N, C-alpha and C. Protein backbone atom coordinates (compact mmCIF):
# COMPACT_ATOMS: atom_id res chain seq x y z
N MET A 1 137.99 156.57 108.21
CA MET A 1 136.68 156.05 108.60
C MET A 1 135.78 155.86 107.36
N LEU A 2 135.86 156.89 106.47
CA LEU A 2 135.06 156.82 105.27
C LEU A 2 135.48 155.62 104.41
N GLY A 3 136.80 155.37 104.34
CA GLY A 3 137.32 154.25 103.55
C GLY A 3 136.78 152.93 104.04
N SER A 4 136.74 152.73 105.37
CA SER A 4 136.24 151.47 105.90
C SER A 4 134.75 151.32 105.65
N SER A 5 134.02 152.46 105.64
CA SER A 5 132.58 152.42 105.36
C SER A 5 132.33 151.99 103.92
N LEU A 6 133.17 152.53 103.00
CA LEU A 6 133.03 152.16 101.60
C LEU A 6 133.35 150.68 101.39
N ALA A 7 134.38 150.19 102.05
CA ALA A 7 134.76 148.78 101.95
C ALA A 7 133.62 147.90 102.43
N PHE A 8 132.98 148.29 103.51
CA PHE A 8 131.86 147.51 104.04
C PHE A 8 130.70 147.51 103.05
N ALA A 9 130.46 148.68 102.42
CA ALA A 9 129.36 148.78 101.46
C ALA A 9 129.61 147.86 100.27
N GLN A 10 130.86 147.79 99.82
CA GLN A 10 131.19 146.94 98.69
C GLN A 10 131.03 145.46 99.05
N LYS A 11 131.42 145.10 100.27
CA LYS A 11 131.33 143.71 100.70
C LYS A 11 129.90 143.27 100.94
N SER A 12 128.98 144.25 101.10
CA SER A 12 127.60 143.90 101.40
C SER A 12 126.77 143.68 100.14
N MET A 13 127.47 143.55 99.00
CA MET A 13 126.78 143.30 97.73
C MET A 13 127.00 141.85 97.31
N ASP A 14 125.91 141.18 96.86
CA ASP A 14 126.02 139.84 96.28
C ASP A 14 126.32 139.98 94.80
N ASP A 15 127.16 139.08 94.27
CA ASP A 15 127.50 139.08 92.84
C ASP A 15 126.67 138.02 92.11
N PHE A 16 126.09 138.41 90.99
CA PHE A 16 125.25 137.52 90.19
C PHE A 16 125.82 137.37 88.79
N GLN A 17 125.91 136.13 88.30
CA GLN A 17 126.35 135.86 86.94
C GLN A 17 125.35 134.91 86.30
N VAL A 18 124.80 135.32 85.17
CA VAL A 18 123.78 134.52 84.49
C VAL A 18 124.17 134.33 83.02
N GLN A 19 124.09 133.09 82.56
CA GLN A 19 124.29 132.80 81.13
C GLN A 19 122.90 132.83 80.51
N VAL A 20 122.69 133.79 79.58
CA VAL A 20 121.36 134.01 79.00
C VAL A 20 121.34 133.61 77.53
N ASP A 21 120.37 132.80 77.15
CA ASP A 21 120.20 132.37 75.77
C ASP A 21 119.17 133.27 75.09
N GLY A 22 119.47 133.73 73.86
CA GLY A 22 118.50 134.50 73.10
C GLY A 22 118.82 135.96 72.90
N LEU A 23 119.97 136.43 73.45
CA LEU A 23 120.35 137.83 73.27
C LEU A 23 120.98 138.00 71.89
N GLY A 24 120.28 138.66 70.98
CA GLY A 24 120.79 138.76 69.62
C GLY A 24 121.26 140.14 69.21
N CYS A 25 120.92 141.17 69.99
CA CYS A 25 121.26 142.54 69.58
C CYS A 25 121.29 143.47 70.79
N PRO A 26 121.77 144.70 70.62
CA PRO A 26 121.80 145.67 71.73
C PRO A 26 120.42 145.93 72.31
N PHE A 27 119.39 145.89 71.46
CA PHE A 27 118.03 146.11 71.95
C PHE A 27 117.61 145.01 72.92
N CYS A 28 118.05 143.76 72.63
CA CYS A 28 117.77 142.63 73.53
C CYS A 28 118.41 142.89 74.90
N ALA A 29 119.67 143.33 74.86
CA ALA A 29 120.39 143.61 76.10
C ALA A 29 119.72 144.72 76.89
N TYR A 30 119.25 145.74 76.17
CA TYR A 30 118.56 146.86 76.82
C TYR A 30 117.28 146.37 77.51
N GLY A 31 116.54 145.50 76.82
CA GLY A 31 115.30 144.97 77.38
C GLY A 31 115.55 144.16 78.64
N LEU A 32 116.62 143.37 78.62
CA LEU A 32 116.97 142.56 79.79
C LEU A 32 117.37 143.47 80.96
N GLU A 33 118.22 144.46 80.66
CA GLU A 33 118.66 145.38 81.72
C GLU A 33 117.48 146.15 82.30
N LYS A 34 116.59 146.60 81.43
CA LYS A 34 115.42 147.36 81.88
C LYS A 34 114.56 146.52 82.83
N LYS A 35 114.40 145.24 82.49
CA LYS A 35 113.59 144.35 83.33
C LYS A 35 114.22 144.20 84.71
N PHE A 36 115.56 144.11 84.76
CA PHE A 36 116.24 143.93 86.04
C PHE A 36 116.33 145.22 86.85
N LYS A 37 116.12 146.37 86.19
CA LYS A 37 116.10 147.64 86.92
C LYS A 37 114.88 147.71 87.85
N GLU A 38 113.94 146.75 87.66
CA GLU A 38 112.80 146.66 88.57
C GLU A 38 113.27 146.27 89.97
N PHE A 39 114.45 145.64 90.05
CA PHE A 39 115.04 145.32 91.35
C PHE A 39 115.77 146.58 91.84
N LYS A 40 115.15 147.32 92.72
CA LYS A 40 115.73 148.58 93.21
C LYS A 40 117.03 148.32 93.96
N GLY A 41 118.08 149.05 93.58
CA GLY A 41 119.36 148.88 94.25
C GLY A 41 120.37 148.08 93.44
N ILE A 42 119.96 147.62 92.23
CA ILE A 42 120.87 146.85 91.39
C ILE A 42 122.03 147.74 90.92
N LYS A 43 123.24 147.17 90.87
CA LYS A 43 124.43 147.93 90.48
C LYS A 43 125.28 147.13 89.50
N GLY A 44 126.15 147.82 88.77
CA GLY A 44 127.18 147.18 87.95
C GLY A 44 126.67 146.22 86.90
N VAL A 45 125.57 146.55 86.24
CA VAL A 45 125.02 145.66 85.21
C VAL A 45 125.96 145.60 84.00
N GLN A 46 126.34 144.39 83.59
CA GLN A 46 127.17 144.19 82.41
C GLN A 46 126.59 143.05 81.58
N ILE A 47 126.46 143.28 80.28
CA ILE A 47 125.89 142.27 79.39
C ILE A 47 126.78 142.12 78.16
N ASP A 48 127.20 140.90 77.88
CA ASP A 48 127.97 140.60 76.68
C ASP A 48 127.04 139.87 75.71
N ILE A 49 126.66 140.54 74.64
CA ILE A 49 125.68 139.98 73.71
C ILE A 49 126.21 138.71 73.04
N GLU A 50 127.49 138.70 72.69
CA GLU A 50 128.06 137.55 71.98
C GLU A 50 128.05 136.27 72.79
N THR A 51 128.42 136.38 74.07
CA THR A 51 128.50 135.19 74.92
C THR A 51 127.24 134.93 75.72
N GLY A 52 126.38 135.97 75.86
CA GLY A 52 125.19 135.83 76.68
C GLY A 52 125.47 135.99 78.17
N ASP A 53 126.69 136.45 78.52
CA ASP A 53 127.04 136.65 79.93
C ASP A 53 126.40 137.92 80.47
N PHE A 54 125.68 137.78 81.57
CA PHE A 54 124.97 138.89 82.20
C PHE A 54 125.36 138.90 83.68
N SER A 55 125.90 140.02 84.16
CA SER A 55 126.32 140.07 85.56
C SER A 55 125.87 141.37 86.20
N PHE A 56 125.69 141.33 87.52
CA PHE A 56 125.31 142.52 88.28
C PHE A 56 125.54 142.27 89.76
N GLN A 57 125.44 143.33 90.55
CA GLN A 57 125.54 143.22 92.00
C GLN A 57 124.21 143.70 92.61
N TYR A 58 123.90 143.12 93.76
CA TYR A 58 122.65 143.48 94.43
C TYR A 58 122.86 143.42 95.94
N PRO A 59 122.27 144.37 96.70
CA PRO A 59 122.47 144.41 98.16
C PRO A 59 122.18 143.06 98.83
N SER A 60 123.15 142.60 99.61
CA SER A 60 123.01 141.27 100.22
C SER A 60 121.86 141.20 101.22
N GLU A 61 121.55 142.34 101.87
CA GLU A 61 120.48 142.29 102.88
C GLU A 61 119.11 142.02 102.26
N LYS A 62 119.00 142.19 100.93
CA LYS A 62 117.72 141.94 100.27
C LYS A 62 117.57 140.46 99.89
N SER A 63 118.66 139.70 100.00
CA SER A 63 118.63 138.24 99.78
C SER A 63 117.88 137.84 98.51
N LEU A 64 118.30 138.43 97.38
CA LEU A 64 117.68 138.09 96.10
C LEU A 64 117.97 136.62 95.78
N SER A 65 116.92 135.84 95.56
CA SER A 65 117.08 134.40 95.38
C SER A 65 117.41 134.02 93.94
N LEU A 66 118.00 132.84 93.79
CA LEU A 66 118.33 132.31 92.47
C LEU A 66 117.05 132.14 91.66
N THR A 67 116.00 131.66 92.29
CA THR A 67 114.72 131.46 91.61
C THR A 67 114.17 132.77 91.08
N ALA A 68 114.27 133.85 91.87
CA ALA A 68 113.77 135.15 91.46
C ALA A 68 114.54 135.68 90.25
N VAL A 69 115.85 135.43 90.22
CA VAL A 69 116.68 135.87 89.09
C VAL A 69 116.27 135.12 87.83
N VAL A 70 116.14 133.81 87.94
CA VAL A 70 115.74 132.98 86.80
C VAL A 70 114.38 133.44 86.26
N GLN A 71 113.43 133.68 87.15
CA GLN A 71 112.09 134.10 86.74
C GLN A 71 112.12 135.47 86.07
N GLN A 72 112.99 136.37 86.53
CA GLN A 72 113.08 137.71 85.95
C GLN A 72 113.65 137.65 84.53
N VAL A 73 114.63 136.77 84.31
CA VAL A 73 115.17 136.59 82.96
C VAL A 73 114.07 136.08 82.04
N GLU A 74 113.29 135.12 82.52
CA GLU A 74 112.21 134.56 81.72
C GLU A 74 111.12 135.59 81.44
N LYS A 75 110.84 136.47 82.42
CA LYS A 75 109.86 137.54 82.22
C LYS A 75 110.31 138.51 81.13
N ALA A 76 111.63 138.66 81.01
CA ALA A 76 112.19 139.55 79.98
C ALA A 76 112.13 138.91 78.60
N GLY A 77 111.78 137.61 78.56
CA GLY A 77 111.63 136.92 77.29
C GLY A 77 112.82 136.09 76.86
N TYR A 78 113.72 135.79 77.81
CA TYR A 78 114.93 135.04 77.47
C TYR A 78 115.04 133.78 78.34
N THR A 79 115.99 132.92 77.97
CA THR A 79 116.16 131.65 78.68
C THR A 79 117.44 131.68 79.51
N PRO A 80 117.32 131.57 80.84
CA PRO A 80 118.52 131.50 81.69
C PRO A 80 119.11 130.10 81.61
N MET A 81 120.39 130.00 81.21
CA MET A 81 121.03 128.70 81.03
C MET A 81 121.77 128.25 82.27
N LYS A 82 122.43 129.19 82.91
CA LYS A 82 123.22 128.86 84.11
C LYS A 82 123.30 130.10 84.98
N THR A 83 123.06 129.95 86.27
CA THR A 83 123.10 131.08 87.19
C THR A 83 124.05 130.76 88.34
N VAL A 84 124.92 131.72 88.66
CA VAL A 84 125.84 131.56 89.78
C VAL A 84 125.75 132.81 90.65
N ILE A 85 125.49 132.62 91.93
CA ILE A 85 125.43 133.74 92.88
C ILE A 85 126.55 133.58 93.89
N THR A 86 127.38 134.61 94.02
CA THR A 86 128.41 134.63 95.05
C THR A 86 127.96 135.63 96.11
N ARG A 87 127.54 135.11 97.25
CA ARG A 87 127.03 135.96 98.31
C ARG A 87 128.17 136.76 98.95
N ALA A 88 127.79 137.86 99.61
CA ALA A 88 128.78 138.73 100.26
C ALA A 88 129.57 137.97 101.32
N ASN A 89 128.97 136.94 101.91
CA ASN A 89 129.66 136.16 102.95
C ASN A 89 130.52 135.04 102.38
N GLY A 90 130.59 134.95 101.02
CA GLY A 90 131.45 133.95 100.39
C GLY A 90 130.73 132.70 99.92
N LEU A 91 129.49 132.50 100.33
CA LEU A 91 128.75 131.31 99.91
C LEU A 91 128.39 131.42 98.42
N VAL A 92 128.43 130.29 97.73
CA VAL A 92 128.11 130.26 96.30
C VAL A 92 126.89 129.39 96.06
N GLU A 93 125.94 129.92 95.29
CA GLU A 93 124.74 129.18 94.90
C GLU A 93 124.72 129.07 93.39
N THR A 94 124.34 127.92 92.86
CA THR A 94 124.28 127.75 91.41
C THR A 94 123.26 126.69 91.03
N ASP A 95 122.74 126.83 89.81
CA ASP A 95 121.85 125.80 89.27
C ASP A 95 122.55 124.99 88.19
N ALA A 96 123.89 125.17 88.09
CA ALA A 96 124.68 124.42 87.11
C ALA A 96 124.80 122.96 87.55
N PRO A 97 124.86 122.04 86.58
CA PRO A 97 125.02 120.63 86.94
C PRO A 97 126.39 120.36 87.55
N LEU A 98 126.50 119.30 88.30
CA LEU A 98 127.77 118.93 88.90
C LEU A 98 128.81 118.63 87.84
N ALA A 99 130.06 118.97 88.12
CA ALA A 99 131.12 118.77 87.14
C ALA A 99 131.84 117.43 87.34
N ALA A 100 131.60 116.81 88.46
CA ALA A 100 132.29 115.54 88.74
C ALA A 100 131.36 114.61 89.52
N VAL A 101 131.68 113.35 89.50
CA VAL A 101 130.86 112.36 90.20
C VAL A 101 131.75 111.26 90.74
N ASP A 102 131.33 110.68 91.84
CA ASP A 102 132.06 109.55 92.41
C ASP A 102 131.76 108.30 91.57
N GLN A 103 132.74 107.83 90.82
CA GLN A 103 132.53 106.69 89.94
C GLN A 103 132.26 105.40 90.71
N GLY A 104 132.44 105.43 92.02
CA GLY A 104 132.22 104.23 92.80
C GLY A 104 130.77 104.00 93.16
N VAL A 105 129.90 104.96 92.85
CA VAL A 105 128.49 104.82 93.18
C VAL A 105 127.87 103.71 92.34
N ALA A 106 127.19 102.79 93.00
CA ALA A 106 126.60 101.64 92.31
C ALA A 106 125.61 102.10 91.26
N GLY A 107 125.70 101.52 90.06
CA GLY A 107 124.74 101.82 89.00
C GLY A 107 125.11 102.99 88.12
N VAL A 108 126.09 103.82 88.55
CA VAL A 108 126.48 104.99 87.75
C VAL A 108 127.50 104.57 86.70
N VAL A 109 127.17 104.87 85.42
CA VAL A 109 128.07 104.56 84.32
C VAL A 109 128.47 105.86 83.63
N SER A 110 129.63 105.87 82.99
CA SER A 110 130.10 107.04 82.26
C SER A 110 130.24 106.70 80.78
N LYS A 111 129.69 107.57 79.93
CA LYS A 111 129.73 107.36 78.49
C LYS A 111 130.12 108.65 77.79
N LYS A 112 130.52 108.51 76.52
CA LYS A 112 130.82 109.67 75.68
C LYS A 112 129.83 109.70 74.52
N MET A 113 129.46 110.93 74.11
CA MET A 113 128.49 111.07 73.03
C MET A 113 128.83 112.32 72.22
N PHE A 114 128.78 112.20 70.88
CA PHE A 114 129.01 113.37 70.03
C PHE A 114 127.76 114.25 70.06
N VAL A 115 127.98 115.55 70.36
CA VAL A 115 126.88 116.52 70.35
C VAL A 115 127.34 117.75 69.60
N ALA A 116 126.64 118.12 68.53
CA ALA A 116 127.02 119.27 67.71
C ALA A 116 126.77 120.57 68.46
N GLY A 117 127.69 121.52 68.29
CA GLY A 117 127.57 122.82 68.94
C GLY A 117 128.81 123.65 68.68
N ASN A 118 128.79 124.92 69.09
CA ASN A 118 129.90 125.82 68.79
C ASN A 118 130.55 126.51 69.98
N CYS A 119 129.74 126.95 70.93
CA CYS A 119 130.24 127.95 71.88
C CYS A 119 129.79 127.70 73.32
N GLU A 120 130.07 128.69 74.19
CA GLU A 120 129.70 128.57 75.60
C GLU A 120 128.19 128.53 75.78
N MET A 121 127.47 129.25 74.94
CA MET A 121 126.01 129.22 75.03
C MET A 121 125.49 127.83 74.66
N CYS A 122 126.13 127.21 73.66
CA CYS A 122 125.77 125.83 73.30
C CYS A 122 126.02 124.91 74.49
N GLU A 123 127.18 125.07 75.11
CA GLU A 123 127.55 124.24 76.26
C GLU A 123 126.51 124.35 77.36
N ALA A 124 126.13 125.59 77.68
CA ALA A 124 125.15 125.80 78.75
C ALA A 124 123.81 125.16 78.41
N ARG A 125 123.41 125.26 77.13
CA ARG A 125 122.13 124.69 76.69
C ARG A 125 122.16 123.16 76.75
N ILE A 126 123.25 122.58 76.31
CA ILE A 126 123.40 121.12 76.33
C ILE A 126 123.39 120.59 77.76
N LEU A 127 124.15 121.26 78.64
CA LEU A 127 124.23 120.81 80.02
C LEU A 127 122.91 121.01 80.76
N LYS A 128 122.17 122.06 80.39
CA LYS A 128 120.87 122.27 81.03
C LYS A 128 119.91 121.15 80.62
N ALA A 129 119.98 120.75 79.34
CA ALA A 129 119.10 119.67 78.85
C ALA A 129 119.38 118.37 79.59
N THR A 130 120.67 118.09 79.86
CA THR A 130 121.00 116.85 80.56
C THR A 130 120.69 116.93 82.05
N SER A 131 120.87 118.12 82.63
CA SER A 131 120.65 118.25 84.08
C SER A 131 119.19 118.08 84.46
N ARG A 132 118.29 118.25 83.49
CA ARG A 132 116.86 118.10 83.77
C ARG A 132 116.44 116.63 83.83
N LEU A 133 117.31 115.74 83.37
CA LEU A 133 116.97 114.32 83.33
C LEU A 133 117.25 113.66 84.68
N GLN A 134 116.26 112.96 85.19
CA GLN A 134 116.44 112.25 86.45
C GLN A 134 117.39 111.07 86.23
N GLY A 135 118.45 111.02 87.03
CA GLY A 135 119.42 109.94 86.91
C GLY A 135 120.78 110.42 86.44
N VAL A 136 120.85 111.64 85.89
CA VAL A 136 122.14 112.18 85.46
C VAL A 136 122.93 112.64 86.68
N ALA A 137 124.16 112.15 86.81
CA ALA A 137 125.00 112.51 87.95
C ALA A 137 125.96 113.64 87.61
N ALA A 138 126.45 113.66 86.37
CA ALA A 138 127.39 114.70 85.96
C ALA A 138 127.48 114.73 84.45
N ALA A 139 127.83 115.92 83.93
CA ALA A 139 127.98 116.05 82.48
C ALA A 139 128.97 117.17 82.17
N ALA A 140 129.75 116.99 81.11
CA ALA A 140 130.69 118.02 80.66
C ALA A 140 130.81 117.90 79.15
N TRP A 141 130.72 119.05 78.46
CA TRP A 141 130.80 119.06 76.99
C TRP A 141 131.99 119.90 76.55
N ASP A 142 132.75 119.41 75.58
CA ASP A 142 133.94 120.09 75.07
C ASP A 142 133.63 120.68 73.69
N ALA A 143 133.72 122.01 73.57
CA ALA A 143 133.39 122.69 72.32
C ALA A 143 134.34 122.32 71.19
N LYS A 144 135.58 121.96 71.52
CA LYS A 144 136.56 121.62 70.48
C LYS A 144 136.31 120.24 69.91
N THR A 145 136.11 119.27 70.77
CA THR A 145 135.92 117.89 70.31
C THR A 145 134.46 117.57 70.02
N LYS A 146 133.53 118.40 70.54
CA LYS A 146 132.08 118.18 70.42
C LYS A 146 131.63 116.93 71.18
N MET A 147 132.46 116.49 72.13
CA MET A 147 132.13 115.27 72.87
C MET A 147 131.52 115.61 74.24
N LEU A 148 130.44 114.92 74.56
CA LEU A 148 129.80 115.04 75.85
C LEU A 148 130.23 113.87 76.72
N ASP A 149 130.81 114.15 77.87
CA ASP A 149 131.11 113.11 78.87
C ASP A 149 129.97 113.13 79.87
N ILE A 150 129.28 112.05 80.00
CA ILE A 150 128.11 112.03 80.89
C ILE A 150 128.10 110.81 81.79
N SER A 151 127.80 111.02 83.04
CA SER A 151 127.68 109.94 84.03
C SER A 151 126.23 109.90 84.50
N TYR A 152 125.66 108.70 84.51
CA TYR A 152 124.24 108.60 84.86
C TYR A 152 123.93 107.23 85.45
N ASP A 153 122.78 107.15 86.10
CA ASP A 153 122.32 105.91 86.70
C ASP A 153 121.69 105.06 85.61
N ALA A 154 122.34 103.98 85.24
CA ALA A 154 121.88 103.14 84.14
C ALA A 154 120.53 102.48 84.44
N ALA A 155 120.15 102.42 85.70
CA ALA A 155 118.87 101.82 86.06
C ALA A 155 117.72 102.80 85.82
N ALA A 156 118.05 104.09 85.75
CA ALA A 156 117.01 105.11 85.61
C ALA A 156 116.98 105.76 84.23
N LEU A 157 118.05 105.56 83.44
CA LEU A 157 118.20 106.33 82.21
C LEU A 157 119.03 105.54 81.19
N ASP A 158 118.88 105.87 79.91
CA ASP A 158 119.73 105.26 78.88
C ASP A 158 120.21 106.35 77.91
N LEU A 159 121.19 106.01 77.08
CA LEU A 159 121.78 106.99 76.17
C LEU A 159 120.77 107.53 75.16
N ALA A 160 119.82 106.71 74.74
CA ALA A 160 118.82 107.15 73.77
C ALA A 160 117.97 108.29 74.34
N SER A 161 117.59 108.16 75.60
CA SER A 161 116.79 109.20 76.25
C SER A 161 117.59 110.49 76.39
N ILE A 162 118.86 110.35 76.71
CA ILE A 162 119.74 111.51 76.84
C ILE A 162 119.89 112.20 75.48
N SER A 163 120.10 111.40 74.44
CA SER A 163 120.25 111.92 73.09
C SER A 163 119.00 112.67 72.63
N LYS A 164 117.83 112.13 72.93
CA LYS A 164 116.56 112.77 72.55
C LYS A 164 116.40 114.11 73.26
N ALA A 165 116.74 114.16 74.54
CA ALA A 165 116.59 115.39 75.32
C ALA A 165 117.51 116.49 74.77
N ILE A 166 118.72 116.09 74.38
CA ILE A 166 119.68 117.06 73.83
C ILE A 166 119.19 117.57 72.48
N ALA A 167 118.69 116.67 71.65
CA ALA A 167 118.16 117.08 70.34
C ALA A 167 116.97 118.02 70.51
N ALA A 168 116.14 117.77 71.52
CA ALA A 168 114.98 118.63 71.77
C ALA A 168 115.40 120.04 72.16
N SER A 169 116.62 120.18 72.71
CA SER A 169 117.12 121.50 73.11
C SER A 169 117.71 122.27 71.93
N GLY A 170 117.89 121.57 70.78
CA GLY A 170 118.39 122.24 69.59
C GLY A 170 119.71 121.74 69.06
N HIS A 171 120.25 120.66 69.65
CA HIS A 171 121.57 120.18 69.25
C HIS A 171 121.52 118.74 68.71
N ASP A 172 122.09 118.58 67.50
CA ASP A 172 122.12 117.26 66.87
C ASP A 172 123.07 116.31 67.61
N THR A 173 122.68 115.05 67.68
CA THR A 173 123.58 113.99 68.09
C THR A 173 123.62 113.03 66.90
N LYS A 174 124.42 111.99 66.98
CA LYS A 174 124.51 111.06 65.86
C LYS A 174 123.23 110.22 65.72
N ASP A 175 122.46 110.11 66.80
CA ASP A 175 121.25 109.28 66.76
C ASP A 175 119.96 110.08 66.65
N HIS A 176 120.00 111.35 67.07
CA HIS A 176 118.78 112.17 67.04
C HIS A 176 119.12 113.59 66.57
N LYS A 177 118.27 114.13 65.68
CA LYS A 177 118.50 115.47 65.16
C LYS A 177 117.47 116.44 65.73
N ALA A 178 117.92 117.67 65.96
CA ALA A 178 117.01 118.72 66.41
C ALA A 178 116.04 119.06 65.29
N SER A 179 114.83 119.47 65.65
CA SER A 179 113.86 119.87 64.62
C SER A 179 114.35 121.15 63.94
N GLU A 180 113.90 121.37 62.72
CA GLU A 180 114.31 122.58 61.97
C GLU A 180 113.91 123.84 62.73
N ASN A 181 112.70 123.85 63.30
CA ASN A 181 112.22 125.03 64.03
C ASN A 181 113.10 125.34 65.23
N THR A 182 113.47 124.29 65.98
CA THR A 182 114.30 124.49 67.17
C THR A 182 115.69 124.98 66.77
N TYR A 183 116.25 124.37 65.73
CA TYR A 183 117.57 124.79 65.25
C TYR A 183 117.54 126.24 64.75
N ASP A 184 116.50 126.57 63.99
CA ASP A 184 116.39 127.93 63.44
C ASP A 184 116.25 128.98 64.54
N GLY A 185 115.76 128.56 65.72
CA GLY A 185 115.58 129.49 66.82
C GLY A 185 116.84 129.75 67.63
N LEU A 186 117.92 129.03 67.32
CA LEU A 186 119.18 129.23 68.05
C LEU A 186 119.80 130.57 67.66
N PRO A 187 120.55 131.22 68.60
CA PRO A 187 121.29 132.44 68.25
C PRO A 187 122.29 132.15 67.13
N MET A 188 122.69 133.19 66.39
CA MET A 188 123.59 133.00 65.25
C MET A 188 124.90 132.30 65.63
N CYS A 189 125.43 132.64 66.82
CA CYS A 189 126.71 132.04 67.22
C CYS A 189 126.59 130.55 67.50
N CYS A 190 125.36 130.07 67.66
CA CYS A 190 125.13 128.66 67.97
C CYS A 190 124.76 127.84 66.74
N LYS A 191 124.72 128.46 65.57
CA LYS A 191 124.31 127.75 64.35
C LYS A 191 125.46 126.85 63.87
N TYR A 192 125.54 125.68 64.45
CA TYR A 192 126.57 124.70 64.12
C TYR A 192 126.26 124.04 62.77
N GLU A 193 127.23 123.32 62.23
CA GLU A 193 127.02 122.57 60.99
C GLU A 193 126.19 121.33 61.30
N ARG A 194 125.06 121.21 60.64
CA ARG A 194 124.14 120.10 60.91
C ARG A 194 124.77 118.75 60.57
N ILE A 195 124.40 117.72 61.33
CA ILE A 195 124.85 116.35 61.04
C ILE A 195 124.03 115.83 59.88
N GLU A 196 124.70 115.39 58.84
CA GLU A 196 124.00 114.88 57.65
C GLU A 196 123.41 113.50 57.91
N ASP A 197 122.22 113.30 57.37
CA ASP A 197 121.61 111.97 57.46
C ASP A 197 122.40 110.98 56.61
N LYS A 198 122.55 109.77 57.14
CA LYS A 198 123.29 108.73 56.41
C LYS A 198 122.45 108.14 55.29
């Protein structure tokens, strides 16, 4: 009987995974964890400083929202790049951009663009910059090739606007460079080799 009660208790927890930008040291991780301890009942907090992966479990009956999680990360002084919630009932919620798009949709075009970057945190930052643009249908960035595959509504957006938005997030493209201040603010693992001016 006790075993079945424990199994039920485990199933009644929602799983949260957040990609956090700006974690540079153990003290940063401690500050983030301390901020989330304000959510009474939080369990299994794990933080990987190198990748920015932050995960925890929270009682499903409290229905902690994606918005509340994002706001709590921001209150701690960090930038949430991607959030995925797996509810106890199996439902998944995320603010990540779509990974695929129906190429048959009228007006949607697919292009490739070089975007400088190094790691998963870079990927999350680049995809967040594109997902904020109205007209983007899907985007995927490859850390090995540094190529961004992006599908967007050509009537609402152009490559120049996409390139500018990515550069504003801290990543050089061949047409637009990130400002020195924005680049300098990136975590050490994200300090890619700058694109030289021609």
